[in-house]
């Protein structure tokens, strides 16, 4: 990932984390990024997982993904909904 793209993406993560917390009611989130097959990466482009966490008893594995239609309803703007639909979620 180019440094300017990384800077833009990482700058968006705090806002995205707050949106995930608000949408799920979770008190915290875990942000994960796997780089390389040995690290568990299965989709080979740069991306981050923002996983809602509800306490120490949570499994470290994320649950099923929220369907796009359900996720759209939690996004506050047309820009956010468009980003989800196009796969540009880092622009939230």
PDB file of N, CA and C in Angstrom:
ATOM      1  N   UNK A   1       0.860  -1.166   0.000  1.00  0.00           N
ATOM      2  CA  UNK A   1       0.000   0.000   0.000  1.00  0.00           C
ATOM      3  C   UNK A   1       0.905   1.228   0.000  1.00  0.00           C
ATOM      4  N   UNK A   2       0.622   2.125  -0.891  1.00  0.00           N
ATOM      5  CA  UNK A   2       1.406   3.354  -0.974  1.00  0.00           C
ATOM      6  C   UNK A   2       1.220   4.179   0.301  1.00  0.00           C
ATOM      7  N   UNK A   3       2.262   4.905   0.720  1.00  0.00           N
ATOM      8  CA  UNK A   3       2.161   5.685   1.960  1.00  0.00           C
ATOM      9  C   UNK A   3       0.982   6.651   2.000  1.00  0.00           C
ATOM     10  N   UNK A   4       0.667   7.329   0.886  1.00  0.00           N
ATOM     11  CA  UNK A   4      -0.450   8.271   0.903  1.00  0.00           C
ATOM     12  C   UNK A   4      -1.795   7.553   1.045  1.00  0.00           C
ATOM     13  N   UNK A   5      -1.911   6.377   0.442  1.00  0.00           N
ATOM     14  CA  UNK A   5      -3.138   5.579   0.574  1.00  0.00           C
ATOM     15  C   UNK A   5      -3.254   5.055   2.006  1.00  0.00           C
ATOM     16  N   UNK A   6      -2.144   4.591   2.562  1.00  0.00           N
ATOM     17  CA  UNK A   6      -2.152   4.110   3.947  1.00  0.00           C
ATOM     18  C   UNK A   6      -2.552   5.235   4.900  1.00  0.00           C
ATOM     19  N   UNK A   7      -2.019   6.420   4.684  1.00  0.00           N
ATOM     20  CA  UNK A   7      -2.348   7.550   5.562  1.00  0.00           C
ATOM     21  C   UNK A   7      -3.836   7.880   5.494  1.00  0.00           C
ATOM     22  N   UNK A   8      -4.397   7.896   4.305  1.00  0.00           N
ATOM     23  CA  UNK A   8      -5.814   8.189   4.138  1.00  0.00           C
ATOM     24  C   UNK A   8      -6.686   7.105   4.769  1.00  0.00           C
ATOM     25  N   UNK A   9      -6.330   5.867   4.542  1.00  0.00           N
ATOM     26  CA  UNK A   9      -7.095   4.742   5.096  1.00  0.00           C
ATOM     27  C   UNK A   9      -7.032   4.746   6.613  1.00  0.00           C
ATOM     28  N   UNK A  10      -5.834   4.882   7.167  1.00  0.00           N
ATOM     29  CA  UNK A  10      -5.692   4.871   8.627  1.00  0.00           C
ATOM     30  C   UNK A  10      -6.366   6.070   9.266  1.00  0.00           C
ATOM     31  N   UNK A  11      -6.422   7.190   8.568  1.00  0.00           N
ATOM     32  CA  UNK A  11      -7.108   8.366   9.103  1.00  0.00           C
ATOM     33  C   UNK A  11      -8.611   8.117   9.223  1.00  0.00           C
ATOM     34  N   UNK A  12      -9.154   7.209   8.408  1.00  0.00           N
ATOM     35  CA  UNK A  12     -10.587   6.901   8.428  1.00  0.00           C
ATOM     36  C   UNK A  12     -10.964   5.883   9.496  1.00  0.00           C
ATOM     37  N   UNK A  13     -10.019   5.120   9.993  1.00  0.00           N
ATOM     38  CA  UNK A  13     -10.339   4.046  10.928  1.00  0.00           C
ATOM     39  C   UNK A  13     -11.008   4.501  12.224  1.00  0.00           C
ATOM     40  N   UNK A  14     -10.591   5.591  12.867  1.00  0.00           N
ATOM     41  CA  UNK A  14     -11.293   5.991  14.096  1.00  0.00           C
ATOM     42  C   UNK A  14     -12.776   6.279  13.866  1.00  0.00           C
ATOM     43  N   UNK A  15     -13.093   6.950  12.766  1.00  0.00           N
ATOM     44  CA  UNK A  15     -14.503   7.239  12.467  1.00  0.00           C
ATOM     45  C   UNK A  15     -15.259   5.949  12.180  1.00  0.00           C
ATOM     46  N   UNK A  16     -14.660   5.059  11.421  1.00  0.00           N
ATOM     47  CA  UNK A  16     -15.295   3.779  11.125  1.00  0.00           C
ATOM     48  C   UNK A  16     -15.507   2.980  12.404  1.00  0.00           C
ATOM     49  N   UNK A  17     -14.533   2.988  13.297  1.00  0.00           N
ATOM     50  CA  UNK A  17     -14.672   2.278  14.575  1.00  0.00           C
ATOM     51  C   UNK A  17     -15.845   2.824  15.374  1.00  0.00           C
ATOM     52  N   UNK A  18     -16.008   4.153  15.388  1.00  0.00           N
ATOM     53  CA  UNK A  18     -17.131   4.753  16.100  1.00  0.00           C
ATOM     54  C   UNK A  18     -18.465   4.367  15.460  1.00  0.00           C
ATOM     55  N   UNK A  19     -18.509   4.304  14.132  1.00  0.00           N
ATOM     56  CA  UNK A  19     -19.735   3.888  13.445  1.00  0.00           C
ATOM     57  C   UNK A  19     -20.088   2.442  13.766  1.00  0.00           C
ATOM     58  N   UNK A  20     -19.086   1.565  13.812  1.00  0.00           N
ATOM     59  CA  UNK A  20     -19.329   0.154  14.144  1.00  0.00           C
ATOM     60  C   UNK A  20     -19.838   0.038  15.573  1.00  0.00           C
ATOM     61  N   UNK A  21     -19.227   0.778  16.495  1.00  0.00           N
ATOM     62  CA  UNK A  21     -19.697   0.756  17.887  1.00  0.00           C
ATOM     63  C   UNK A  21     -21.137   1.239  17.978  1.00  0.00           C
ATOM     64  N   UNK A  22     -21.449   2.327  17.304  1.00  0.00           N
ATOM     65  CA  UNK A  22     -22.806   2.876  17.357  1.00  0.00           C
ATOM     66  C   UNK A  22     -23.819   1.921  16.731  1.00  0.00           C
ATOM     67  N   UNK A  23     -23.445   1.288  15.621  1.00  0.00           N
ATOM     68  CA  UNK A  23     -24.368   0.394  14.917  1.00  0.00           C
ATOM     69  C   UNK A  23     -24.624  -0.900  15.676  1.00  0.00           C
ATOM     70  N   UNK A  24     -23.643  -1.361  16.445  1.00  0.00           N
ATOM     71  CA  UNK A  24     -23.766  -2.654  17.108  1.00  0.00           C
ATOM     72  C   UNK A  24     -24.035  -2.546  18.600  1.00  0.00           C
ATOM     73  N   UNK A  25     -23.816  -1.360  19.180  1.00  0.00           N
ATOM     74  CA  UNK A  25     -23.944  -1.208  20.626  1.00  0.00           C
ATOM     75  C   UNK A  25     -22.761  -1.763  21.390  1.00  0.00           C
ATOM     76  N   UNK A  26     -21.697  -2.106  20.693  1.00  0.00           N
ATOM     77  CA  UNK A  26     -20.498  -2.653  21.340  1.00  0.00           C
ATOM     78  C   UNK A  26     -19.739  -1.538  22.058  1.00  0.00           C
ATOM     79  N   UNK A  27     -19.168  -1.837  23.230  1.00  0.00           N
ATOM     80  CA  UNK A  27     -18.391  -0.824  23.928  1.00  0.00           C
ATOM     81  C   UNK A  27     -16.979  -0.641  23.354  1.00  0.00           C
ATOM     82  N   UNK A  28     -16.560  -1.575  22.483  1.00  0.00           N
ATOM     83  CA  UNK A  28     -15.196  -1.523  21.950  1.00  0.00           C
ATOM     84  C   UNK A  28     -15.158  -2.234  20.599  1.00  0.00           C
ATOM     85  N   UNK A  29     -14.081  -2.009  19.862  1.00  0.00           N
ATOM     86  CA  UNK A  29     -13.847  -2.718  18.612  1.00  0.00           C
ATOM     87  C   UNK A  29     -12.415  -3.227  18.589  1.00  0.00           C
ATOM     88  N   UNK A  30     -12.197  -4.255  17.808  1.00  0.00           N
ATOM     89  CA  UNK A  30     -10.850  -4.759  17.538  1.00  0.00           C
ATOM     90  C   UNK A  30     -10.586  -4.495  16.061  1.00  0.00           C
ATOM     91  N   UNK A  31      -9.462  -3.844  15.750  1.00  0.00           N
ATOM     92  CA  UNK A  31      -9.079  -3.572  14.374  1.00  0.00           C
ATOM     93  C   UNK A  31      -7.961  -4.535  14.010  1.00  0.00           C
ATOM     94  N   UNK A  32      -8.193  -5.321  12.944  1.00  0.00           N
ATOM     95  CA  UNK A  32      -7.226  -6.336  12.521  1.00  0.00           C
ATOM     96  C   UNK A  32      -6.813  -6.097  11.081  1.00  0.00           C
ATOM     97  N   UNK A  33      -5.564  -6.392  10.792  1.00  0.00           N
ATOM     98  CA  UNK A  33      -5.077  -6.357   9.420  1.00  0.00           C
ATOM     99  C   UNK A  33      -4.084  -7.492   9.283  1.00  0.00           C
ATOM    100  N   UNK A  34      -4.410  -8.474   8.437  1.00  0.00           N
ATOM    101  CA  UNK A  34      -3.519  -9.609   8.197  1.00  0.00           C
ATOM    102  C   UNK A  34      -2.732  -9.336   6.926  1.00  0.00           C
ATOM    103  N   UNK A  35      -1.432  -9.485   6.984  1.00  0.00           N
ATOM    104  CA  UNK A  35      -0.587  -9.221   5.828  1.00  0.00           C
ATOM    105  C   UNK A  35       0.219 -10.472   5.499  1.00  0.00           C
ATOM    106  N   UNK A  36      -0.246 -11.221   4.508  1.00  0.00           N
ATOM    107  CA  UNK A  36       0.423 -12.448   4.092  1.00  0.00           C
ATOM    108  C   UNK A  36      -0.335 -13.685   4.537  1.00  0.00           C
ATOM    109  N   UNK A  37      -0.229 -14.733   3.733  1.00  0.00           N
ATOM    110  CA  UNK A  37      -0.947 -15.977   4.014  1.00  0.00           C
ATOM    111  C   UNK A  37      -0.590 -16.547   5.384  1.00  0.00           C
ATOM    112  N   UNK A  38       0.670 -16.435   5.772  1.00  0.00           N
ATOM    113  CA  UNK A  38       1.103 -16.976   7.059  1.00  0.00           C
ATOM    114  C   UNK A  38       0.473 -16.236   8.234  1.00  0.00           C
ATOM    115  N   UNK A  39      -0.010 -15.030   7.990  1.00  0.00           N
ATOM    116  CA  UNK A  39      -0.669 -14.240   9.036  1.00  0.00           C
ATOM    117  C   UNK A  39      -2.180 -14.458   9.039  1.00  0.00           C
ATOM    118  N   UNK A  40      -2.668 -15.267   8.094  1.00  0.00           N
ATOM    119  CA  UNK A  40      -4.097 -15.539   8.027  1.00  0.00           C
ATOM    120  C   UNK A  40      -4.830 -14.778   6.944  1.00  0.00           C
ATOM    121  N   UNK A  41      -4.097 -14.037   6.119  1.00  0.00           N
ATOM    122  CA  UNK A  41      -4.748 -13.286   5.045  1.00  0.00           C
ATOM    123  C   UNK A  41      -5.310 -14.262   4.018  1.00  0.00           C
ATOM    124  N   UNK A  42      -6.581 -14.076   3.663  1.00  0.00           N
ATOM    125  CA  UNK A  42      -7.232 -14.919   2.667  1.00  0.00           C
ATOM    126  C   UNK A  42      -7.650 -14.140   1.428  1.00  0.00           C
ATOM    127  N   UNK A  43      -7.847 -12.841   1.569  1.00  0.00           N
ATOM    128  CA  UNK A  43      -8.187 -11.963   0.449  1.00  0.00           C
ATOM    129  C   UNK A  43      -6.977 -11.060   0.253  1.00  0.00           C
ATOM    130  N   UNK A  44      -6.328 -11.174  -0.887  1.00  0.00           N
ATOM    131  CA  UNK A  44      -5.005 -10.577  -1.048  1.00  0.00           C
ATOM    132  C   UNK A  44      -5.031  -9.173  -1.649  1.00  0.00           C
ATOM    133  N   UNK A  45      -5.648  -8.288  -0.886  1.00  0.00           N
ATOM    134  CA  UNK A  45      -5.518  -6.844  -1.081  1.00  0.00           C
ATOM    135  C   UNK A  45      -5.565  -6.250   0.325  1.00  0.00           C
ATOM    136  N   UNK A  46      -5.062  -5.065   0.462  1.00  0.00           N
ATOM    137  CA  UNK A  46      -5.018  -4.444   1.788  1.00  0.00           C
ATOM    138  C   UNK A  46      -6.427  -4.107   2.255  1.00  0.00           C
ATOM    139  N   UNK A  47      -6.760  -4.562   3.458  1.00  0.00           N
ATOM    140  CA  UNK A  47      -8.042  -4.224   4.065  1.00  0.00           C
ATOM    141  C   UNK A  47      -7.950  -4.444   5.563  1.00  0.00           C
ATOM    142  N   UNK A  48      -8.889  -3.867   6.280  1.00  0.00           N
ATOM    143  CA  UNK A  48      -8.917  -3.957   7.733  1.00  0.00           C
ATOM    144  C   UNK A  48     -10.249  -4.538   8.166  1.00  0.00           C
ATOM    145  N   UNK A  49     -10.221  -5.289   9.245  1.00  0.00           N
ATOM    146  CA  UNK A  49     -11.432  -5.817   9.868  1.00  0.00           C
ATOM    147  C   UNK A  49     -11.682  -4.969  11.112  1.00  0.00           C
ATOM    148  N   UNK A  50     -12.896  -4.451  11.244  1.00  0.00           N
ATOM    149  CA  UNK A  50     -13.292  -3.708  12.436  1.00  0.00           C
ATOM    150  C   UNK A  50     -14.367  -4.557  13.105  1.00  0.00           C
ATOM    151  N   UNK A  51     -13.971  -5.241  14.183  1.00  0.00           N
ATOM    152  CA  UNK A  51     -14.813  -6.247  14.816  1.00  0.00           C
ATOM    153  C   UNK A  51     -15.368  -5.703  16.131  1.00  0.00           C
ATOM    154  N   UNK A  52     -16.698  -5.658  16.266  1.00  0.00           N
ATOM    155  CA  UNK A  52     -17.259  -5.197  17.545  1.00  0.00           C
ATOM    156  C   UNK A  52     -16.919  -6.178  18.661  1.00  0.00           C
ATOM    157  N   UNK A  53     -16.596  -5.641  19.832  1.00  0.00           N
ATOM    158  CA  UNK A  53     -16.243  -6.475  20.990  1.00  0.00           C
ATOM    159  C   UNK A  53     -17.131  -6.095  22.163  1.00  0.00           C
ATOM    160  N   UNK A  54     -17.603  -7.122  22.880  1.00  0.00           N
ATOM    161  CA  UNK A  54     -18.537  -6.912  23.972  1.00  0.00           C
ATOM    162  C   UNK A  54     -17.979  -7.302  25.330  1.00  0.00           C
ATOM    163  N   UNK A  55     -16.727  -7.739  25.403  1.00  0.00           N
ATOM    164  CA  UNK A  55     -16.133  -8.070  26.682  1.00  0.00           C
ATOM    165  C   UNK A  55     -15.118  -9.177  26.551  1.00  0.00           C
ATOM    166  N   UNK A  56     -14.488  -9.495  27.664  1.00  0.00           N
ATOM    167  CA  UNK A  56     -13.403 -10.483  27.656  1.00  0.00           C
ATOM    168  C   UNK A  56     -13.867 -11.867  27.232  1.00  0.00           C
ATOM    169  N   UNK A  57     -15.147 -12.172  27.405  1.00  0.00           N
ATOM    170  CA  UNK A  57     -15.664 -13.483  27.024  1.00  0.00           C
ATOM    171  C   UNK A  57     -15.897 -13.646  25.540  1.00  0.00           C
ATOM    172  N   UNK A  58     -15.742 -12.548  24.775  1.00  0.00           N
ATOM    173  CA  UNK A  58     -15.924 -12.626  23.324  1.00  0.00           C
ATOM    174  C   UNK A  58     -14.951 -13.612  22.715  1.00  0.00           C
ATOM    175  N   UNK A  59     -15.410 -14.306  21.697  1.00  0.00           N
ATOM    176  CA  UNK A  59     -14.510 -15.135  20.900  1.00  0.00           C
ATOM    177  C   UNK A  59     -13.578 -14.201  20.135  1.00  0.00           C
ATOM    178  N   UNK A  60     -12.370 -14.632  19.879  1.00  0.00           N
ATOM    179  CA  UNK A  60     -11.460 -13.798  19.089  1.00  0.00           C
ATOM    180  C   UNK A  60     -11.776 -13.896  17.605  1.00  0.00           C
ATOM    181  N   UNK A  61     -12.665 -14.786  17.239  1.00  0.00           N
ATOM    182  CA  UNK A  61     -13.053 -14.929  15.840  1.00  0.00           C
ATOM    183  C   UNK A  61     -14.294 -14.089  15.566  1.00  0.00           C
ATOM    184  N   UNK A  62     -14.308 -13.348  14.456  1.00  0.00           N
ATOM    185  CA  UNK A  62     -15.504 -12.577  14.132  1.00  0.00           C
ATOM    186  C   UNK A  62     -16.656 -13.499  13.760  1.00  0.00           C
ATOM    187  N   UNK A  63     -17.857 -13.035  13.981  1.00  0.00           N
ATOM    188  CA  UNK A  63     -19.044 -13.784  13.604  1.00  0.00           C
ATOM    189  C   UNK A  63     -19.353 -13.583  12.131  1.00  0.00           C
ATOM    190  N   UNK A  64     -20.542 -13.991  11.715  1.00  0.00           N
ATOM    191  CA  UNK A  64     -20.907 -13.815  10.308  1.00  0.00           C
ATOM    192  C   UNK A  64     -20.980 -12.334   9.957  1.00  0.00           C
ATOM    193  N   UNK A  65     -20.666 -12.038   8.706  1.00  0.00           N
ATOM    194  CA  UNK A  65     -20.704 -10.649   8.260  1.00  0.00           C
ATOM    195  C   UNK A  65     -22.146 -10.173   8.148  1.00  0.00           C
ATOM    196  N   UNK A  66     -22.350  -8.903   8.410  1.00  0.00           N
ATOM    197  CA  UNK A  66     -23.644  -8.276   8.274  1.00  0.00           C
ATOM    198  C   UNK A  66     -23.945  -8.128   6.789  1.00  0.00           C
ATOM    199  N   UNK A  67     -25.132  -8.542   6.335  1.00  0.00           N
ATOM    200  CA  UNK A  67     -25.453  -8.356   4.907  1.00  0.00           C
ATOM    201  C   UNK A  67     -25.391  -6.877   4.537  1.00  0.00           C
ATOM    202  N   UNK A  68     -24.994  -6.589   3.313  1.00  0.00           N
ATOM    203  CA  UNK A  68     -24.822  -5.212   2.863  1.00  0.00           C
ATOM    204  C   UNK A  68     -26.091  -4.393   3.062  1.00  0.00           C
ATOM    205  N   UNK A  69     -27.260  -4.992   2.808  1.00  0.00           N
ATOM    206  CA  UNK A  69     -28.516  -4.249   2.957  1.00  0.00           C
ATOM    207  C   UNK A  69     -28.706  -3.805   4.413  1.00  0.00           C
ATOM    208  N   UNK A  70     -28.383  -4.663   5.365  1.00  0.00           N
ATOM    209  CA  UNK A  70     -28.523  -4.314   6.775  1.00  0.00           C
ATOM    210  C   UNK A  70     -27.478  -3.287   7.177  1.00  0.00           C
ATOM    211  N   UNK A  71     -26.271  -3.414   6.651  1.00  0.00           N
ATOM    212  CA  UNK A  71     -25.208  -2.464   6.979  1.00  0.00           C
ATOM    213  C   UNK A  71     -25.551  -1.075   6.436  1.00  0.00           C
ATOM    214  N   UNK A  72     -26.138  -1.015   5.248  1.00  0.00           N
ATOM    215  CA  UNK A  72     -26.484   0.276   4.657  1.00  0.00           C
ATOM    216  C   UNK A  72     -27.398   1.088   5.561  1.00  0.00           C
ATOM    217  N   UNK A  73     -28.297   0.415   6.233  1.00  0.00           N
ATOM    218  CA  UNK A  73     -29.259   1.113   7.079  1.00  0.00           C
ATOM    219  C   UNK A  73     -28.579   1.806   8.260  1.00  0.00           C
ATOM    220  N   UNK A  74     -27.383   1.376   8.637  1.00  0.00           N
ATOM    221  CA  UNK A  74     -26.691   1.968   9.777  1.00  0.00           C
ATOM    222  C   UNK A  74     -25.772   3.108   9.372  1.00  0.00           C
ATOM    223  N   UNK A  75     -25.537   3.284   8.068  1.00  0.00           N
ATOM    224  CA  UNK A  75     -24.626   4.325   7.610  1.00  0.00           C
ATOM    225  C   UNK A  75     -25.333   5.669   7.578  1.00  0.00           C
ATOM    226  N   UNK A  76     -24.657   6.714   8.041  1.00  0.00           N
ATOM    227  CA  UNK A  76     -25.309   8.009   8.218  1.00  0.00           C
ATOM    228  C   UNK A  76     -25.446   8.868   6.970  1.00  0.00           C
ATOM    229  N   UNK A  77     -24.837   8.484   5.850  1.00  0.00           N
ATOM    230  CA  UNK A  77     -24.851   9.394   4.709  1.00  0.00           C
ATOM    231  C   UNK A  77     -24.908   8.631   3.401  1.00  0.00           C
ATOM    232  N   UNK A  78     -25.291   9.339   2.351  1.00  0.00           N
ATOM    233  CA  UNK A  78     -25.264   8.765   1.007  1.00  0.00           C
ATOM    234  C   UNK A  78     -23.841   8.376   0.637  1.00  0.00           C
ATOM    235  N   UNK A  79     -22.864   9.190   1.060  1.00  0.00           N
ATOM    236  CA  UNK A  79     -21.458   8.894   0.777  1.00  0.00           C
ATOM    237  C   UNK A  79     -21.078   7.559   1.390  1.00  0.00           C
ATOM    238  N   UNK A  80     -21.470   7.337   2.637  1.00  0.00           N
ATOM    239  CA  UNK A  80     -21.155   6.086   3.306  1.00  0.00           C
ATOM    240  C   UNK A  80     -21.820   4.904   2.645  1.00  0.00           C
ATOM    241  N   UNK A  81     -23.095   5.068   2.258  1.00  0.00           N
ATOM    242  CA  UNK A  81     -23.797   3.976   1.596  1.00  0.00           C
ATOM    243  C   UNK A  81     -23.156   3.678   0.249  1.00  0.00           C
ATOM    244  N   UNK A  82     -22.740   4.710  -0.474  1.00  0.00           N
ATOM    245  CA  UNK A  82     -22.069   4.501  -1.749  1.00  0.00           C
ATOM    246  C   UNK A  82     -20.731   3.806  -1.592  1.00  0.00           C
ATOM    247  N   UNK A  83     -20.008   4.151  -0.524  1.00  0.00           N
ATOM    248  CA  UNK A  83     -18.716   3.516  -0.257  1.00  0.00           C
ATOM    249  C   UNK A  83     -18.902   2.036   0.019  1.00  0.00           C
ATOM    250  N   UNK A  84     -19.939   1.686   0.769  1.00  0.00           N
ATOM    251  CA  UNK A  84     -20.203   0.278   1.069  1.00  0.00           C
ATOM    252  C   UNK A  84     -20.527  -0.470  -0.219  1.00  0.00           C
ATOM    253  N   UNK A  85     -21.386   0.098  -1.037  1.00  0.00           N
ATOM    254  CA  UNK A  85     -21.799  -0.565  -2.259  1.00  0.00           C
ATOM    255  C   UNK A  85     -20.635  -0.762  -3.228  1.00  0.00           C
ATOM    256  N   UNK A  86     -19.708   0.191  -3.259  1.00  0.00           N
ATOM    257  CA  UNK A  86     -18.608   0.107  -4.211  1.00  0.00           C
ATOM    258  C   UNK A  86     -17.385  -0.616  -3.647  1.00  0.00           C
ATOM    259  N   UNK A  87     -17.427  -0.950  -2.359  1.00  0.00           N
ATOM    260  CA  UNK A  87     -16.261  -1.574  -1.745  1.00  0.00           C
ATOM    261  C   UNK A  87     -15.240  -0.575  -1.267  1.00  0.00           C
ATOM    262  N   UNK A  88     -15.551   0.746  -1.301  1.00  0.00           N
ATOM    263  CA  UNK A  88     -14.631   1.782  -0.865  1.00  0.00           C
ATOM    264  C   UNK A  88     -14.888   2.169   0.585  1.00  0.00           C
ATOM    265  N   UNK A  89     -15.044   1.171   1.447  1.00  0.00           N
ATOM    266  CA  UNK A  89     -15.431   1.457   2.836  1.00  0.00           C
ATOM    267  C   UNK A  89     -14.426   2.309   3.567  1.00  0.00           C
ATOM    268  N   UNK A  90     -13.187   2.371   3.113  1.00  0.00           N
ATOM    269  CA  UNK A  90     -12.199   3.195   3.801  1.00  0.00           C
ATOM    270  C   UNK A  90     -12.503   4.678   3.661  1.00  0.00           C
ATOM    271  N   UNK A  91     -13.447   5.053   2.791  1.00  0.00           N
ATOM    272  CA  UNK A  91     -13.767   6.466   2.625  1.00  0.00           C
ATOM    273  C   UNK A  91     -14.807   6.940   3.613  1.00  0.00           C
ATOM    274  N   UNK A  92     -15.294   6.067   4.488  1.00  0.00           N
ATOM    275  CA  UNK A  92     -16.288   6.478   5.470  1.00  0.00           C
ATOM    276  C   UNK A  92     -15.682   7.516   6.366  1.00  0.00           C
TER     277      UNK A  92
END
